[in-house]
Amino acid sequence: MTEHLTAGIRSGQYLPGTVLSPLRLSGRLGCSRARMDAAVADLATVGALQRQGARLFVPVTGNIPQIRARYIADRLTAQIAAGLHPPGSPLPAASTLALHFV
């Protein structure tokens, strides 16, 4: 879900100032509310989403380089956990990891 929301922010699907409903998003995307809440929390941590009371929205000024770095780090961590990069093997370039970060 984090990747989907990040891609939506980067592509302009969710424009700055857009108010989002995690409940509606989870229903539309077919994921659990807990999974959506975790994705929202991750993106709020890096400034890609903001909470204002019960409202969730895309901030008017976001920190896209920080969001991209977090995306790359999360993707590399997942690949290492999956055993795709054994100890001592070279790691892929950041540009390779960020291919899906539109």
N, C-alpha and C. Protein backbone atom coordinates (compact mmCIF):
# COMPACT_ATOMS: atom_id res chain seq x y z
N MET A 1 0.81 -1.19 0.00
CA MET A 1 0.00 0.00 0.00
C MET A 1 0.86 1.26 0.00
N THR A 2 1.98 1.19 0.72
CA THR A 2 2.87 2.35 0.76
C THR A 2 3.32 2.71 -0.65
N GLU A 3 3.71 1.69 -1.43
CA GLU A 3 4.16 1.93 -2.79
C GLU A 3 3.04 2.52 -3.64
N HIS A 4 1.83 2.01 -3.49
CA HIS A 4 0.70 2.52 -4.26
C HIS A 4 0.43 3.99 -3.93
N LEU A 5 0.39 4.31 -2.66
CA LEU A 5 0.12 5.69 -2.25
C LEU A 5 1.24 6.62 -2.70
N THR A 6 2.50 6.17 -2.55
CA THR A 6 3.64 6.98 -2.97
C THR A 6 3.57 7.25 -4.47
N ALA A 7 3.29 6.22 -5.24
CA ALA A 7 3.17 6.38 -6.69
C ALA A 7 2.03 7.34 -7.04
N GLY A 8 0.93 7.24 -6.31
CA GLY A 8 -0.20 8.15 -6.54
C GLY A 8 0.14 9.60 -6.24
N ILE A 9 0.94 9.82 -5.22
CA ILE A 9 1.36 11.19 -4.88
C ILE A 9 2.31 11.70 -5.95
N ARG A 10 3.30 10.87 -6.33
CA ARG A 10 4.28 11.30 -7.33
C ARG A 10 3.66 11.55 -8.70
N SER A 11 2.68 10.72 -9.07
CA SER A 11 2.09 10.82 -10.40
C SER A 11 1.05 11.94 -10.49
N GLY A 12 0.63 12.46 -9.36
CA GLY A 12 -0.40 13.49 -9.36
C GLY A 12 -1.80 12.95 -9.21
N GLN A 13 -1.93 11.63 -9.03
CA GLN A 13 -3.25 11.05 -8.78
C GLN A 13 -3.83 11.64 -7.50
N TYR A 14 -2.96 11.83 -6.49
CA TYR A 14 -3.36 12.47 -5.24
C TYR A 14 -2.61 13.80 -5.18
N LEU A 15 -3.27 14.86 -5.57
CA LEU A 15 -2.65 16.17 -5.65
C LEU A 15 -2.47 16.79 -4.28
N PRO A 16 -1.50 17.72 -4.14
CA PRO A 16 -1.35 18.43 -2.88
C PRO A 16 -2.67 19.07 -2.46
N GLY A 17 -3.01 18.88 -1.20
CA GLY A 17 -4.25 19.40 -0.67
C GLY A 17 -5.40 18.40 -0.71
N THR A 18 -5.21 17.29 -1.42
CA THR A 18 -6.25 16.27 -1.52
C THR A 18 -6.49 15.64 -0.15
N VAL A 19 -7.75 15.59 0.27
CA VAL A 19 -8.12 14.93 1.51
C VAL A 19 -8.39 13.46 1.19
N LEU A 20 -7.76 12.56 1.93
CA LEU A 20 -7.90 11.13 1.69
C LEU A 20 -8.61 10.46 2.86
N SER A 21 -9.34 9.42 2.57
CA SER A 21 -10.00 8.61 3.59
C SER A 21 -9.36 7.23 3.59
N PRO A 22 -8.59 6.89 4.64
CA PRO A 22 -7.99 5.56 4.69
C PRO A 22 -9.02 4.45 4.58
N LEU A 23 -10.19 4.63 5.15
CA LEU A 23 -11.24 3.62 5.08
C LEU A 23 -11.69 3.41 3.64
N ARG A 24 -11.94 4.51 2.93
CA ARG A 24 -12.36 4.40 1.53
C ARG A 24 -11.24 3.83 0.66
N LEU A 25 -10.01 4.27 0.90
CA LEU A 25 -8.88 3.76 0.13
C LEU A 25 -8.71 2.25 0.33
N SER A 26 -8.80 1.80 1.58
CA SER A 26 -8.62 0.37 1.84
C SER A 26 -9.73 -0.43 1.16
N GLY A 27 -10.95 0.08 1.14
CA GLY A 27 -12.04 -0.61 0.46
C GLY A 27 -11.85 -0.64 -1.05
N ARG A 28 -11.42 0.49 -1.60
CA ARG A 28 -11.22 0.58 -3.05
C ARG A 28 -10.06 -0.28 -3.51
N LEU A 29 -9.01 -0.36 -2.69
CA LEU A 29 -7.82 -1.12 -3.08
C LEU A 29 -7.85 -2.57 -2.61
N GLY A 30 -8.89 -2.92 -1.85
CA GLY A 30 -9.04 -4.30 -1.42
C GLY A 30 -8.01 -4.76 -0.40
N CYS A 31 -7.65 -3.88 0.52
CA CYS A 31 -6.71 -4.28 1.57
C CYS A 31 -7.36 -4.02 2.92
N SER A 32 -6.76 -4.56 3.95
CA SER A 32 -7.32 -4.39 5.29
C SER A 32 -7.08 -2.96 5.77
N ARG A 33 -7.89 -2.56 6.70
CA ARG A 33 -7.75 -1.22 7.29
C ARG A 33 -6.41 -1.13 8.03
N ALA A 34 -6.00 -2.21 8.68
CA ALA A 34 -4.72 -2.22 9.41
C ALA A 34 -3.55 -2.00 8.46
N ARG A 35 -3.61 -2.66 7.30
CA ARG A 35 -2.53 -2.50 6.32
C ARG A 35 -2.49 -1.07 5.79
N MET A 36 -3.67 -0.48 5.54
CA MET A 36 -3.74 0.89 5.06
C MET A 36 -3.24 1.85 6.14
N ASP A 37 -3.62 1.60 7.40
CA ASP A 37 -3.16 2.46 8.49
C ASP A 37 -1.64 2.42 8.62
N ALA A 38 -1.03 1.25 8.41
CA ALA A 38 0.42 1.12 8.47
C ALA A 38 1.08 1.91 7.34
N ALA A 39 0.50 1.84 6.14
CA ALA A 39 1.04 2.60 5.01
C ALA A 39 0.93 4.10 5.25
N VAL A 40 -0.21 4.52 5.77
CA VAL A 40 -0.42 5.93 6.06
C VAL A 40 0.57 6.41 7.13
N ALA A 41 0.79 5.60 8.16
CA ALA A 41 1.74 5.96 9.21
C ALA A 41 3.15 6.10 8.64
N ASP A 42 3.55 5.17 7.77
CA ASP A 42 4.87 5.25 7.13
C ASP A 42 5.01 6.54 6.33
N LEU A 43 4.00 6.86 5.55
CA LEU A 43 4.08 8.05 4.70
C LEU A 43 3.96 9.34 5.51
N ALA A 44 3.25 9.30 6.61
CA ALA A 44 3.19 10.48 7.48
C ALA A 44 4.54 10.72 8.14
N THR A 45 5.26 9.65 8.46
CA THR A 45 6.57 9.77 9.08
C THR A 45 7.55 10.52 8.19
N VAL A 46 7.48 10.28 6.88
CA VAL A 46 8.42 10.94 5.96
C VAL A 46 7.85 12.22 5.35
N GLY A 47 6.65 12.61 5.75
CA GLY A 47 6.09 13.88 5.30
C GLY A 47 5.30 13.82 4.01
N ALA A 48 5.04 12.61 3.50
CA ALA A 48 4.27 12.49 2.25
C ALA A 48 2.78 12.67 2.48
N LEU A 49 2.33 12.41 3.70
CA LEU A 49 0.94 12.63 4.11
C LEU A 49 0.94 13.36 5.44
N GLN A 50 -0.12 14.09 5.70
CA GLN A 50 -0.25 14.79 6.98
C GLN A 50 -1.62 14.52 7.57
N ARG A 51 -1.63 14.47 8.90
CA ARG A 51 -2.90 14.36 9.62
C ARG A 51 -3.19 15.70 10.28
N GLN A 52 -4.46 16.07 10.24
CA GLN A 52 -4.92 17.27 10.92
C GLN A 52 -6.22 16.88 11.58
N GLY A 53 -6.13 16.48 12.83
CA GLY A 53 -7.29 15.92 13.50
C GLY A 53 -7.61 14.58 12.88
N ALA A 54 -8.87 14.41 12.45
CA ALA A 54 -9.27 13.15 11.82
C ALA A 54 -9.01 13.17 10.31
N ARG A 55 -8.60 14.32 9.79
CA ARG A 55 -8.38 14.45 8.35
C ARG A 55 -6.99 14.00 7.96
N LEU A 56 -6.89 13.37 6.80
CA LEU A 56 -5.63 12.94 6.23
C LEU A 56 -5.53 13.59 4.86
N PHE A 57 -4.40 14.23 4.58
CA PHE A 57 -4.29 14.88 3.29
C PHE A 57 -2.86 14.87 2.78
N VAL A 58 -2.74 15.10 1.48
CA VAL A 58 -1.43 15.24 0.85
C VAL A 58 -0.98 16.67 1.12
N PRO A 59 0.20 16.85 1.74
CA PRO A 59 0.64 18.20 2.06
C PRO A 59 0.90 19.02 0.80
N VAL A 60 0.72 20.32 0.94
CA VAL A 60 0.95 21.22 -0.18
C VAL A 60 2.44 21.25 -0.53
N THR A 61 3.29 21.12 0.47
CA THR A 61 4.73 21.03 0.23
C THR A 61 5.21 19.72 0.81
N GLY A 62 5.63 18.82 -0.03
CA GLY A 62 6.13 17.53 0.40
C GLY A 62 7.63 17.43 0.23
N ASN A 63 8.24 16.48 0.88
CA ASN A 63 9.67 16.27 0.78
C ASN A 63 9.91 15.05 -0.11
N ILE A 64 9.79 15.24 -1.42
CA ILE A 64 9.88 14.14 -2.37
C ILE A 64 11.24 13.44 -2.32
N PRO A 65 12.38 14.15 -2.23
CA PRO A 65 13.65 13.42 -2.13
C PRO A 65 13.70 12.48 -0.92
N GLN A 66 13.16 12.91 0.21
CA GLN A 66 13.15 12.06 1.40
C GLN A 66 12.21 10.87 1.20
N ILE A 67 11.08 11.08 0.53
CA ILE A 67 10.15 10.00 0.25
C ILE A 67 10.82 8.99 -0.67
N ARG A 68 11.54 9.47 -1.68
CA ARG A 68 12.24 8.59 -2.62
C ARG A 68 13.30 7.77 -1.88
N ALA A 69 14.06 8.42 -1.01
CA ALA A 69 15.10 7.71 -0.26
C ALA A 69 14.49 6.63 0.62
N ARG A 70 13.39 6.93 1.26
CA ARG A 70 12.72 5.94 2.11
C ARG A 70 12.22 4.76 1.28
N TYR A 71 11.67 5.07 0.11
CA TYR A 71 11.18 4.02 -0.80
C TYR A 71 12.34 3.09 -1.19
N ILE A 72 13.48 3.67 -1.56
CA ILE A 72 14.65 2.88 -1.96
C ILE A 72 15.13 2.03 -0.79
N ALA A 73 15.23 2.61 0.39
CA ALA A 73 15.69 1.86 1.57
C ALA A 73 14.74 0.71 1.89
N ASP A 74 13.44 0.96 1.83
CA ASP A 74 12.46 -0.10 2.11
C ASP A 74 12.53 -1.21 1.08
N ARG A 75 12.71 -0.84 -0.18
CA ARG A 75 12.78 -1.84 -1.24
C ARG A 75 14.03 -2.70 -1.09
N LEU A 76 15.17 -2.08 -0.77
CA LEU A 76 16.41 -2.82 -0.59
C LEU A 76 16.30 -3.74 0.63
N THR A 77 15.72 -3.26 1.70
CA THR A 77 15.53 -4.07 2.90
C THR A 77 14.68 -5.31 2.59
N ALA A 78 13.62 -5.13 1.82
CA ALA A 78 12.76 -6.25 1.45
C ALA A 78 13.52 -7.25 0.58
N GLN A 79 14.34 -6.76 -0.33
CA GLN A 79 15.11 -7.65 -1.19
C GLN A 79 16.14 -8.44 -0.39
N ILE A 80 16.79 -7.79 0.56
CA ILE A 80 17.77 -8.48 1.40
C ILE A 80 17.07 -9.54 2.24
N ALA A 81 15.91 -9.18 2.82
CA ALA A 81 15.15 -10.13 3.64
C ALA A 81 14.71 -11.34 2.81
N ALA A 82 14.45 -11.13 1.52
CA ALA A 82 14.02 -12.22 0.65
C ALA A 82 15.20 -13.06 0.15
N GLY A 83 16.42 -12.69 0.56
CA GLY A 83 17.60 -13.45 0.17
C GLY A 83 18.12 -13.15 -1.23
N LEU A 84 17.70 -12.02 -1.80
CA LEU A 84 18.14 -11.67 -3.15
C LEU A 84 19.57 -11.12 -3.19
N HIS A 85 20.09 -10.71 -2.04
CA HIS A 85 21.44 -10.15 -1.98
C HIS A 85 22.21 -10.82 -0.85
N PRO A 86 22.90 -11.94 -1.13
CA PRO A 86 23.65 -12.63 -0.09
C PRO A 86 24.80 -11.76 0.42
N PRO A 87 25.27 -12.02 1.63
CA PRO A 87 26.39 -11.25 2.18
C PRO A 87 27.58 -11.26 1.21
N GLY A 88 28.17 -10.11 1.02
CA GLY A 88 29.33 -9.98 0.15
C GLY A 88 29.01 -9.71 -1.30
N SER A 89 27.74 -9.84 -1.69
CA SER A 89 27.39 -9.56 -3.08
C SER A 89 27.17 -8.06 -3.26
N PRO A 90 27.41 -7.56 -4.47
CA PRO A 90 27.19 -6.13 -4.71
C PRO A 90 25.70 -5.79 -4.63
N LEU A 91 25.40 -4.63 -4.12
CA LEU A 91 24.00 -4.18 -4.03
C LEU A 91 23.65 -3.42 -5.30
N PRO A 92 22.38 -3.44 -5.69
CA PRO A 92 21.97 -2.69 -6.88
C PRO A 92 22.09 -1.19 -6.65
N ALA A 93 22.24 -0.47 -7.74
CA ALA A 93 22.31 1.00 -7.68
C ALA A 93 20.96 1.57 -7.25
N ALA A 94 21.00 2.72 -6.62
CA ALA A 94 19.76 3.38 -6.20
C ALA A 94 18.84 3.62 -7.39
N SER A 95 19.41 3.94 -8.55
CA SER A 95 18.58 4.18 -9.72
C SER A 95 17.82 2.93 -10.14
N THR A 96 18.42 1.77 -9.95
CA THR A 96 17.74 0.51 -10.26
C THR A 96 16.62 0.27 -9.27
N LEU A 97 16.89 0.51 -8.00
CA LEU A 97 15.86 0.30 -6.97
C LEU A 97 14.70 1.26 -7.13
N ALA A 98 14.94 2.43 -7.68
CA ALA A 98 13.91 3.46 -7.79
C ALA A 98 13.15 3.42 -9.11
N LEU A 99 13.34 2.37 -9.91
CA LEU A 99 12.67 2.31 -11.21
C LEU A 99 11.16 2.45 -11.12
N HIS A 100 10.56 1.89 -10.06
CA HIS A 100 9.11 1.97 -9.92
C HIS A 100 8.66 3.19 -9.15
N PHE A 101 9.61 4.00 -8.72
CA PHE A 101 9.26 5.24 -8.03
C PHE A 101 9.08 6.31 -9.09
N VAL A 102 7.83 6.48 -9.52
CA VAL A 102 7.52 7.36 -10.65
C VAL A 102 7.68 8.80 -10.25
